[in-house]
N, C-alpha and C. Protein backbone atom coordinates (compact mmCIF):
# COMPACT_ATOMS: atom_id res chain seq x y z
N MET A 1 37.23 -16.42 -112.37
CA MET A 1 36.78 -15.09 -112.72
C MET A 1 35.27 -15.06 -112.81
N THR A 2 34.64 -14.15 -112.10
CA THR A 2 33.19 -14.02 -112.17
C THR A 2 32.81 -12.93 -113.16
N GLN A 3 31.76 -13.19 -113.86
CA GLN A 3 31.27 -12.22 -114.83
C GLN A 3 30.00 -11.58 -114.30
N ALA A 4 29.85 -10.35 -114.70
CA ALA A 4 28.62 -9.65 -114.31
C ALA A 4 27.46 -10.28 -115.05
N PRO A 5 26.32 -10.39 -114.38
CA PRO A 5 25.17 -10.98 -115.06
C PRO A 5 24.76 -10.13 -116.24
N SER A 6 24.49 -10.80 -117.34
CA SER A 6 24.06 -10.06 -118.53
C SER A 6 22.57 -10.27 -118.74
N HIS A 7 21.96 -9.27 -119.31
CA HIS A 7 20.53 -9.34 -119.58
C HIS A 7 20.35 -9.71 -121.04
N ALA A 8 19.63 -10.77 -121.27
CA ALA A 8 19.46 -11.27 -122.63
C ALA A 8 18.73 -10.26 -123.51
N SER A 9 17.71 -9.66 -122.97
CA SER A 9 16.91 -8.75 -123.81
C SER A 9 17.47 -7.34 -123.81
N GLY A 10 18.25 -7.01 -122.78
CA GLY A 10 18.79 -5.65 -122.71
C GLY A 10 17.74 -4.62 -122.32
N SER A 11 16.58 -5.05 -121.85
CA SER A 11 15.49 -4.12 -121.56
C SER A 11 15.69 -3.40 -120.23
N LYS A 12 16.36 -4.03 -119.28
CA LYS A 12 16.52 -3.39 -117.97
C LYS A 12 17.32 -2.09 -118.05
N PRO A 13 18.51 -2.05 -118.72
CA PRO A 13 19.20 -0.77 -118.82
C PRO A 13 18.38 0.28 -119.56
N GLN A 14 17.65 -0.14 -120.58
CA GLN A 14 16.83 0.80 -121.32
C GLN A 14 15.72 1.36 -120.42
N THR A 15 15.14 0.52 -119.59
CA THR A 15 14.10 0.96 -118.67
C THR A 15 14.69 1.93 -117.66
N MET A 16 15.90 1.63 -117.17
CA MET A 16 16.55 2.52 -116.21
C MET A 16 16.85 3.86 -116.87
N ARG A 17 17.32 3.84 -118.10
CA ARG A 17 17.60 5.07 -118.83
C ARG A 17 16.31 5.88 -118.99
N HIS A 18 15.24 5.19 -119.31
CA HIS A 18 13.94 5.86 -119.48
C HIS A 18 13.50 6.50 -118.17
N ARG A 19 13.70 5.80 -117.06
CA ARG A 19 13.33 6.36 -115.74
C ARG A 19 14.18 7.59 -115.43
N LEU A 20 15.49 7.49 -115.68
CA LEU A 20 16.37 8.63 -115.41
C LEU A 20 15.98 9.82 -116.28
N HIS A 21 15.63 9.56 -117.52
CA HIS A 21 15.22 10.66 -118.40
C HIS A 21 13.97 11.35 -117.85
N LYS A 22 13.02 10.56 -117.36
CA LYS A 22 11.79 11.14 -116.80
C LYS A 22 12.10 11.98 -115.57
N ILE A 23 13.05 11.49 -114.74
CA ILE A 23 13.37 12.19 -113.51
C ILE A 23 14.18 13.45 -113.79
N LEU A 24 15.15 13.35 -114.70
CA LEU A 24 16.09 14.44 -114.91
C LEU A 24 15.67 15.45 -115.96
N ARG A 25 14.58 15.22 -116.65
CA ARG A 25 14.19 16.18 -117.70
C ARG A 25 13.86 17.53 -117.05
N PRO A 26 14.16 18.59 -117.76
CA PRO A 26 13.93 19.91 -117.18
C PRO A 26 12.44 20.21 -117.04
N LEU A 27 12.14 20.93 -115.97
CA LEU A 27 10.76 21.33 -115.74
C LEU A 27 10.39 22.43 -116.73
N PRO A 28 9.14 22.47 -117.17
CA PRO A 28 8.75 23.55 -118.08
C PRO A 28 8.80 24.89 -117.36
N GLU A 29 9.24 25.90 -118.10
CA GLU A 29 9.33 27.24 -117.52
C GLU A 29 7.93 27.83 -117.40
N PRO A 30 7.70 28.61 -116.35
CA PRO A 30 6.38 29.24 -116.23
C PRO A 30 6.18 30.23 -117.38
N ILE A 31 4.93 30.37 -117.78
CA ILE A 31 4.61 31.27 -118.89
C ILE A 31 4.50 32.69 -118.36
N ASN A 32 5.21 33.59 -119.00
CA ASN A 32 5.22 34.98 -118.60
C ASN A 32 3.88 35.62 -118.98
N PRO A 33 3.19 36.27 -118.03
CA PRO A 33 1.90 36.91 -118.32
C PRO A 33 2.01 37.97 -119.42
N ALA A 34 3.11 38.70 -119.46
CA ALA A 34 3.28 39.71 -120.52
C ALA A 34 3.35 39.04 -121.88
N LEU A 35 3.98 37.86 -121.93
CA LEU A 35 4.08 37.13 -123.19
C LEU A 35 2.71 36.60 -123.62
N LEU A 36 1.92 36.16 -122.67
CA LEU A 36 0.56 35.71 -123.00
C LEU A 36 -0.27 36.85 -123.60
N GLU A 37 -0.13 38.02 -123.02
CA GLU A 37 -0.87 39.18 -123.53
C GLU A 37 -0.42 39.53 -124.95
N ALA A 38 0.88 39.49 -125.19
CA ALA A 38 1.40 39.78 -126.53
C ALA A 38 0.93 38.73 -127.54
N GLU A 39 0.85 37.47 -127.12
CA GLU A 39 0.38 36.40 -128.00
C GLU A 39 -1.10 36.59 -128.36
N LYS A 40 -1.89 37.03 -127.39
CA LYS A 40 -3.31 37.29 -127.67
C LYS A 40 -3.46 38.39 -128.72
N LYS A 41 -2.67 39.46 -128.56
CA LYS A 41 -2.74 40.56 -129.53
C LYS A 41 -2.29 40.09 -130.90
N ARG A 42 -1.24 39.27 -130.94
CA ARG A 42 -0.73 38.77 -132.22
C ARG A 42 -1.75 37.86 -132.89
N ALA A 43 -2.43 37.03 -132.12
CA ALA A 43 -3.40 36.08 -132.67
C ALA A 43 -4.64 36.77 -133.24
N GLU A 44 -4.85 38.02 -132.90
CA GLU A 44 -6.02 38.74 -133.43
C GLU A 44 -5.90 38.98 -134.93
N ASP A 45 -4.69 39.06 -135.46
CA ASP A 45 -4.47 39.33 -136.88
C ASP A 45 -4.45 38.01 -137.66
N ARG A 46 -5.28 37.90 -138.68
CA ARG A 46 -5.38 36.68 -139.46
C ARG A 46 -4.07 36.36 -140.18
N GLN A 47 -3.40 37.38 -140.68
CA GLN A 47 -2.12 37.17 -141.35
C GLN A 47 -1.11 36.49 -140.42
N ASN A 48 -1.09 36.91 -139.17
CA ASN A 48 -0.18 36.30 -138.21
C ASN A 48 -0.53 34.83 -137.97
N ARG A 49 -1.83 34.54 -137.87
CA ARG A 49 -2.25 33.15 -137.66
C ARG A 49 -1.85 32.26 -138.83
N VAL A 50 -2.05 32.78 -140.07
CA VAL A 50 -1.66 32.01 -141.26
C VAL A 50 -0.15 31.80 -141.29
N SER A 51 0.58 32.85 -141.02
CA SER A 51 2.04 32.76 -141.00
C SER A 51 2.52 31.76 -139.95
N ASP A 52 1.91 31.80 -138.78
CA ASP A 52 2.30 30.85 -137.70
C ASP A 52 1.99 29.42 -138.10
N ALA A 53 0.85 29.20 -138.77
CA ALA A 53 0.49 27.85 -139.21
C ALA A 53 1.46 27.33 -140.26
N ILE A 54 1.80 28.18 -141.22
CA ILE A 54 2.74 27.76 -142.27
C ILE A 54 4.12 27.48 -141.66
N THR A 55 4.56 28.34 -140.76
CA THR A 55 5.86 28.15 -140.11
C THR A 55 5.87 26.86 -139.30
N ALA A 56 4.78 26.59 -138.59
CA ALA A 56 4.70 25.36 -137.79
C ALA A 56 4.74 24.13 -138.69
N PHE A 57 4.01 24.19 -139.82
CA PHE A 57 4.00 23.04 -140.73
C PHE A 57 5.35 22.85 -141.41
N SER A 58 5.95 23.95 -141.85
CA SER A 58 7.23 23.82 -142.57
C SER A 58 8.37 23.40 -141.65
N GLY A 59 8.18 23.54 -140.36
CA GLY A 59 9.20 23.10 -139.40
C GLY A 59 8.92 21.73 -138.82
N SER A 60 8.07 20.95 -139.49
CA SER A 60 7.72 19.63 -138.96
C SER A 60 8.25 18.51 -139.85
N MET A 61 8.28 17.31 -139.31
CA MET A 61 8.70 16.15 -140.09
C MET A 61 7.67 15.82 -141.17
N LEU A 62 6.41 16.14 -140.95
CA LEU A 62 5.40 15.92 -141.98
C LEU A 62 5.76 16.67 -143.26
N PHE A 63 6.26 17.88 -143.11
CA PHE A 63 6.70 18.67 -144.25
C PHE A 63 7.80 17.93 -145.03
N VAL A 64 8.74 17.34 -144.30
CA VAL A 64 9.83 16.58 -144.93
C VAL A 64 9.27 15.37 -145.67
N TYR A 65 8.36 14.64 -145.02
CA TYR A 65 7.79 13.44 -145.64
C TYR A 65 6.99 13.80 -146.89
N VAL A 66 6.22 14.86 -146.86
CA VAL A 66 5.44 15.29 -148.02
C VAL A 66 6.38 15.60 -149.18
N HIS A 67 7.49 16.25 -148.91
CA HIS A 67 8.44 16.59 -149.97
C HIS A 67 9.14 15.35 -150.52
N ILE A 68 9.46 14.42 -149.66
CA ILE A 68 10.07 13.17 -150.15
C ILE A 68 9.12 12.46 -151.10
N ILE A 69 7.86 12.37 -150.70
CA ILE A 69 6.86 11.71 -151.55
C ILE A 69 6.66 12.50 -152.85
N TRP A 70 6.56 13.85 -152.72
CA TRP A 70 6.34 14.70 -153.88
C TRP A 70 7.49 14.56 -154.90
N PHE A 71 8.75 14.68 -154.41
CA PHE A 71 9.89 14.57 -155.32
C PHE A 71 9.99 13.18 -155.93
N SER A 72 9.72 12.16 -155.12
CA SER A 72 9.78 10.78 -155.63
C SER A 72 8.73 10.58 -156.73
N CYS A 73 7.52 11.05 -156.49
CA CYS A 73 6.46 10.91 -157.51
C CYS A 73 6.79 11.72 -158.75
N TRP A 74 7.26 12.94 -158.58
CA TRP A 74 7.59 13.80 -159.71
C TRP A 74 8.62 13.13 -160.61
N ILE A 75 9.66 12.58 -159.99
CA ILE A 75 10.72 11.94 -160.77
C ILE A 75 10.26 10.55 -161.24
N GLY A 76 9.63 9.79 -160.34
CA GLY A 76 9.21 8.43 -160.66
C GLY A 76 8.17 8.35 -161.76
N PHE A 77 7.19 9.23 -161.76
CA PHE A 77 6.14 9.20 -162.77
C PHE A 77 6.53 9.98 -164.04
N GLY A 78 7.72 10.55 -164.02
CA GLY A 78 8.23 11.26 -165.19
C GLY A 78 7.40 12.46 -165.58
N VAL A 79 6.99 13.26 -164.60
CA VAL A 79 6.21 14.47 -164.87
C VAL A 79 6.97 15.35 -165.86
N GLU A 80 8.28 15.42 -165.75
CA GLU A 80 9.10 16.13 -166.71
C GLU A 80 10.44 15.42 -166.85
N LYS A 81 11.11 15.72 -167.89
CA LYS A 81 12.39 15.07 -168.18
C LYS A 81 13.52 15.77 -167.44
N TYR A 82 14.59 15.00 -167.25
CA TYR A 82 15.81 15.55 -166.65
C TYR A 82 16.27 16.72 -167.49
N PRO A 83 16.65 17.81 -166.99
CA PRO A 83 17.18 18.24 -165.70
C PRO A 83 16.12 18.86 -164.78
N TYR A 84 14.84 18.58 -164.97
CA TYR A 84 13.75 18.98 -164.08
C TYR A 84 13.68 20.50 -163.87
N GLY A 85 13.56 21.25 -164.93
CA GLY A 85 13.52 22.72 -164.88
C GLY A 85 12.32 23.24 -164.11
N LEU A 86 11.13 22.68 -164.34
CA LEU A 86 9.94 23.15 -163.63
C LEU A 86 10.03 22.83 -162.15
N LEU A 87 10.48 21.62 -161.83
CA LEU A 87 10.64 21.22 -160.42
C LEU A 87 11.65 22.14 -159.73
N THR A 88 12.72 22.46 -160.42
CA THR A 88 13.73 23.36 -159.85
C THR A 88 13.14 24.73 -159.60
N MET A 89 12.35 25.24 -160.53
CA MET A 89 11.72 26.54 -160.34
C MET A 89 10.74 26.52 -159.16
N ILE A 90 9.95 25.47 -159.08
CA ILE A 90 8.97 25.35 -157.98
C ILE A 90 9.69 25.29 -156.63
N VAL A 91 10.74 24.49 -156.56
CA VAL A 91 11.50 24.36 -155.31
C VAL A 91 12.17 25.68 -154.96
N SER A 92 12.67 26.40 -155.97
CA SER A 92 13.30 27.70 -155.70
C SER A 92 12.29 28.70 -155.16
N LEU A 93 11.11 28.74 -155.77
CA LEU A 93 10.07 29.63 -155.25
C LEU A 93 9.66 29.26 -153.84
N GLU A 94 9.54 27.96 -153.60
CA GLU A 94 9.21 27.50 -152.25
C GLU A 94 10.29 27.92 -151.26
N ALA A 95 11.54 27.82 -151.67
CA ALA A 95 12.65 28.22 -150.78
C ALA A 95 12.58 29.71 -150.46
N ILE A 96 12.22 30.50 -151.45
CA ILE A 96 12.09 31.95 -151.21
C ILE A 96 11.01 32.22 -150.17
N PHE A 97 9.86 31.59 -150.35
CA PHE A 97 8.77 31.81 -149.40
C PHE A 97 9.10 31.25 -148.02
N LEU A 98 9.71 30.07 -147.99
CA LEU A 98 10.06 29.49 -146.68
C LEU A 98 11.09 30.35 -145.95
N SER A 99 12.06 30.90 -146.68
CA SER A 99 13.03 31.77 -146.02
C SER A 99 12.34 33.01 -145.46
N THR A 100 11.31 33.50 -146.19
CA THR A 100 10.54 34.64 -145.68
C THR A 100 9.81 34.26 -144.39
N PHE A 101 9.25 33.05 -144.36
CA PHE A 101 8.56 32.61 -143.15
C PHE A 101 9.53 32.39 -141.98
N VAL A 102 10.75 31.96 -142.30
CA VAL A 102 11.78 31.83 -141.26
C VAL A 102 12.09 33.20 -140.66
N LEU A 103 12.21 34.21 -141.53
CA LEU A 103 12.46 35.56 -141.04
C LEU A 103 11.30 36.08 -140.21
N ILE A 104 10.09 35.80 -140.65
CA ILE A 104 8.91 36.18 -139.87
C ILE A 104 8.95 35.51 -138.50
N SER A 105 9.31 34.24 -138.49
CA SER A 105 9.40 33.50 -137.23
C SER A 105 10.47 34.09 -136.31
N GLN A 106 11.61 34.49 -136.90
CA GLN A 106 12.66 35.12 -136.10
C GLN A 106 12.21 36.47 -135.56
N ASN A 107 11.49 37.22 -136.38
CA ASN A 107 10.96 38.50 -135.90
C ASN A 107 9.98 38.28 -134.75
N ARG A 108 9.19 37.24 -134.86
CA ARG A 108 8.24 36.91 -133.79
C ARG A 108 9.00 36.54 -132.52
N ALA A 109 10.05 35.74 -132.66
CA ALA A 109 10.85 35.36 -131.50
C ALA A 109 11.51 36.59 -130.87
N ASP A 110 11.99 37.50 -131.72
CA ASP A 110 12.58 38.74 -131.20
C ASP A 110 11.54 39.57 -130.46
N ALA A 111 10.33 39.62 -131.00
CA ALA A 111 9.25 40.37 -130.33
C ALA A 111 8.94 39.74 -128.98
N LYS A 112 8.93 38.41 -128.91
CA LYS A 112 8.69 37.74 -127.62
C LYS A 112 9.79 38.10 -126.62
N ARG A 113 11.04 38.03 -127.08
CA ARG A 113 12.14 38.37 -126.18
C ARG A 113 12.04 39.82 -125.71
N GLN A 114 11.61 40.71 -126.59
CA GLN A 114 11.47 42.11 -126.22
C GLN A 114 10.36 42.30 -125.20
N VAL A 115 9.25 41.59 -125.37
CA VAL A 115 8.15 41.68 -124.40
C VAL A 115 8.63 41.22 -123.04
N ILE A 116 9.36 40.10 -123.01
CA ILE A 116 9.87 39.57 -121.74
C ILE A 116 10.88 40.54 -121.13
N ALA A 117 11.77 41.08 -121.97
CA ALA A 117 12.77 42.03 -121.47
C ALA A 117 12.10 43.28 -120.91
N ASP A 118 11.06 43.79 -121.58
CA ASP A 118 10.36 44.96 -121.08
C ASP A 118 9.70 44.68 -119.73
N ALA A 119 9.08 43.50 -119.62
CA ALA A 119 8.44 43.14 -118.35
C ALA A 119 9.48 42.99 -117.24
N GLN A 120 10.62 42.39 -117.57
CA GLN A 120 11.67 42.23 -116.57
C GLN A 120 12.24 43.59 -116.16
N TRP A 121 12.41 44.49 -117.12
CA TRP A 121 12.94 45.82 -116.80
C TRP A 121 11.97 46.56 -115.88
N LYS A 122 10.67 46.43 -116.14
CA LYS A 122 9.68 47.06 -115.30
C LYS A 122 9.77 46.49 -113.87
N THR A 123 9.94 45.18 -113.78
CA THR A 123 10.07 44.54 -112.47
C THR A 123 11.33 45.01 -111.76
N VAL A 124 12.43 45.14 -112.49
CA VAL A 124 13.69 45.60 -111.89
C VAL A 124 13.53 47.02 -111.36
N LYS A 125 12.86 47.89 -112.11
CA LYS A 125 12.66 49.26 -111.65
C LYS A 125 11.80 49.28 -110.39
N GLU A 126 10.74 48.47 -110.34
CA GLU A 126 9.89 48.41 -109.16
C GLU A 126 10.68 47.87 -107.96
N GLU A 127 11.49 46.83 -108.19
CA GLU A 127 12.30 46.28 -107.10
C GLU A 127 13.32 47.29 -106.61
N ASP A 128 13.89 48.07 -107.53
CA ASP A 128 14.85 49.09 -107.14
C ASP A 128 14.18 50.14 -106.25
N LYS A 129 12.98 50.53 -106.63
CA LYS A 129 12.21 51.50 -105.83
C LYS A 129 11.95 50.93 -104.43
N GLN A 130 11.55 49.65 -104.38
CA GLN A 130 11.29 49.00 -103.09
C GLN A 130 12.58 48.91 -102.26
N ASN A 131 13.71 48.63 -102.92
CA ASN A 131 14.98 48.53 -102.21
C ASN A 131 15.37 49.87 -101.58
N VAL A 132 15.13 50.97 -102.32
CA VAL A 132 15.43 52.30 -101.78
C VAL A 132 14.57 52.54 -100.54
N GLU A 133 13.28 52.19 -100.63
CA GLU A 133 12.40 52.36 -99.47
C GLU A 133 12.85 51.50 -98.30
N LEU A 134 13.27 50.27 -98.58
CA LEU A 134 13.75 49.37 -97.51
C LEU A 134 15.03 49.92 -96.88
N LEU A 135 15.91 50.50 -97.67
CA LEU A 135 17.12 51.10 -97.11
C LEU A 135 16.78 52.26 -96.18
N LYS A 136 15.82 53.09 -96.59
CA LYS A 136 15.40 54.20 -95.73
C LYS A 136 14.85 53.66 -94.41
N LEU A 137 13.99 52.63 -94.51
CA LEU A 137 13.43 52.05 -93.29
C LEU A 137 14.53 51.42 -92.42
N SER A 138 15.49 50.76 -93.04
CA SER A 138 16.60 50.15 -92.29
C SER A 138 17.40 51.20 -91.55
N LYS A 139 17.64 52.35 -92.21
CA LYS A 139 18.39 53.43 -91.56
C LYS A 139 17.59 54.00 -90.39
N GLN A 140 16.26 54.12 -90.56
CA GLN A 140 15.43 54.60 -89.46
C GLN A 140 15.46 53.62 -88.29
N ILE A 141 15.38 52.33 -88.61
CA ILE A 141 15.42 51.31 -87.55
C ILE A 141 16.76 51.35 -86.83
N LEU A 142 17.85 51.51 -87.58
CA LEU A 142 19.18 51.59 -86.97
C LEU A 142 19.28 52.80 -86.06
N SER A 143 18.76 53.93 -86.52
CA SER A 143 18.79 55.14 -85.71
C SER A 143 17.99 54.95 -84.42
N LEU A 144 16.80 54.37 -84.55
CA LEU A 144 15.98 54.13 -83.36
C LEU A 144 16.65 53.14 -82.41
N THR A 145 17.29 52.13 -82.96
CA THR A 145 17.99 51.15 -82.13
C THR A 145 19.12 51.81 -81.34
N GLN A 146 19.86 52.69 -82.02
CA GLN A 146 20.94 53.39 -81.33
C GLN A 146 20.39 54.29 -80.22
N GLU A 147 19.28 54.94 -80.46
CA GLU A 147 18.65 55.77 -79.43
C GLU A 147 18.22 54.93 -78.24
N VAL A 148 17.62 53.77 -78.52
CA VAL A 148 17.18 52.88 -77.43
C VAL A 148 18.37 52.41 -76.62
N ARG A 149 19.48 52.07 -77.29
CA ARG A 149 20.68 51.63 -76.56
C ARG A 149 21.24 52.75 -75.70
N THR A 150 21.23 53.96 -76.24
CA THR A 150 21.71 55.10 -75.47
C THR A 150 20.83 55.31 -74.24
N MET A 151 19.53 55.22 -74.44
CA MET A 151 18.60 55.40 -73.31
C MET A 151 18.78 54.26 -72.30
N ALA A 152 18.96 53.05 -72.79
CA ALA A 152 19.15 51.92 -71.87
C ALA A 152 20.44 52.08 -71.08
N SER A 153 21.48 52.57 -71.73
CA SER A 153 22.76 52.82 -71.05
C SER A 153 22.57 53.89 -69.99
N THR A 154 21.81 54.92 -70.33
CA THR A 154 21.54 55.98 -69.36
C THR A 154 20.79 55.42 -68.16
N PHE A 155 19.80 54.56 -68.42
CA PHE A 155 19.05 53.97 -67.32
C PHE A 155 19.96 53.08 -66.47
N ARG A 156 20.84 52.33 -67.10
CA ARG A 156 21.77 51.49 -66.34
C ARG A 156 22.69 52.35 -65.50
N ASP A 157 23.16 53.46 -66.09
CA ASP A 157 24.02 54.37 -65.33
C ASP A 157 23.24 54.94 -64.14
N GLN A 158 22.00 55.32 -64.38
CA GLN A 158 21.18 55.86 -63.28
C GLN A 158 20.94 54.79 -62.23
N ASP A 159 20.71 53.55 -62.66
CA ASP A 159 20.52 52.45 -61.70
C ASP A 159 21.79 52.22 -60.90
N ASP A 160 22.96 52.30 -61.58
CA ASP A 160 24.25 52.12 -60.88
C ASP A 160 24.46 53.25 -59.88
N ILE A 161 24.15 54.47 -60.30
CA ILE A 161 24.29 55.63 -59.39
C ILE A 161 23.36 55.48 -58.21
N ALA A 162 22.13 55.04 -58.45
CA ALA A 162 21.16 54.87 -57.38
C ALA A 162 21.63 53.78 -56.42
N ALA A 163 22.17 52.69 -56.95
CA ALA A 163 22.66 51.60 -56.11
C ALA A 163 23.86 52.06 -55.28
N LEU A 164 24.78 52.81 -55.89
CA LEU A 164 25.94 53.33 -55.16
C LEU A 164 25.50 54.31 -54.07
N THR A 165 24.54 55.17 -54.43
CA THR A 165 24.03 56.12 -53.45
C THR A 165 23.42 55.39 -52.27
N LYS A 166 22.70 54.33 -52.54
CA LYS A 166 22.07 53.54 -51.48
C LYS A 166 23.13 52.89 -50.60
N GLU A 167 24.20 52.38 -51.23
CA GLU A 167 25.28 51.75 -50.46
C GLU A 167 25.99 52.78 -49.58
N VAL A 168 26.24 53.97 -50.18
CA VAL A 168 26.91 55.02 -49.40
C VAL A 168 26.04 55.42 -48.21
N ARG A 169 24.76 55.55 -48.42
CA ARG A 169 23.85 55.92 -47.32
C ARG A 169 23.82 54.83 -46.26
N ALA A 170 23.83 53.57 -46.74
CA ALA A 170 23.82 52.46 -45.78
C ALA A 170 25.10 52.45 -44.99
N LEU A 171 26.21 52.70 -45.64
CA LEU A 171 27.50 52.72 -44.94
C LEU A 171 27.58 53.89 -43.98
N THR A 172 27.11 55.06 -44.41
CA THR A 172 27.16 56.21 -43.52
C THR A 172 26.19 56.04 -42.36
N ALA A 173 25.11 55.31 -42.59
CA ALA A 173 24.18 55.10 -41.50
C ALA A 173 24.77 54.10 -40.51
N ALA A 174 25.50 53.14 -41.01
CA ALA A 174 26.08 52.11 -40.14
C ALA A 174 27.29 52.66 -39.38
N HIS A 175 27.99 53.58 -39.97
CA HIS A 175 29.18 54.18 -39.35
C HIS A 175 28.97 55.68 -39.23
N PRO A 176 28.43 56.14 -38.13
CA PRO A 176 28.19 57.56 -37.99
C PRO A 176 29.51 58.34 -37.94
N LYS A 177 29.47 59.58 -38.35
CA LYS A 177 30.64 60.44 -38.34
C LYS A 177 30.98 60.77 -36.89
N PRO A 178 32.23 61.00 -36.64
CA PRO A 178 32.64 61.25 -35.26
C PRO A 178 31.99 62.51 -34.65
N GLY A 179 31.58 63.42 -35.37
CA GLY A 179 31.01 64.64 -34.76
C GLY A 179 29.51 64.51 -34.54
N ASP A 180 28.89 63.44 -34.95
CA ASP A 180 27.45 63.38 -34.84
C ASP A 180 26.99 62.86 -33.52
């Protein structure tokens, strides 16, 4: 029985996985110009910038680490005795404010989606207008094509008639009538 070669360090499969991840990762989506414009307008307001900064910080691992250290120090250094009433109040107030920032963030995300939807709707309306114009042009082209075919058929018929007339004349010239 033969065994598959094993890798002592196990680094080759990990390297292959890393390569596949690099190859298969999704491409970044292009940034919508309407969204960029809305972001510029939003960034003009200082309150929005502060809210965005707080939301970004509270959604990071640094925020988690700061709280782990803070709670550990609070309890470890005995800032207050169990059941930690002040700490509970501070954490509750923080939760209220953080939930408010989460709602602000959701409102911002909704506004972004609305900006994109509005831009897409405008594009759809413009494309619909262009499609109507293209249909009109297609109908005109079809009508002209039918006219050309009719004219070509007429010319072919005239060419056939002319060829038959020529043959009849040639035959009558080759075989004169008995009275002539």
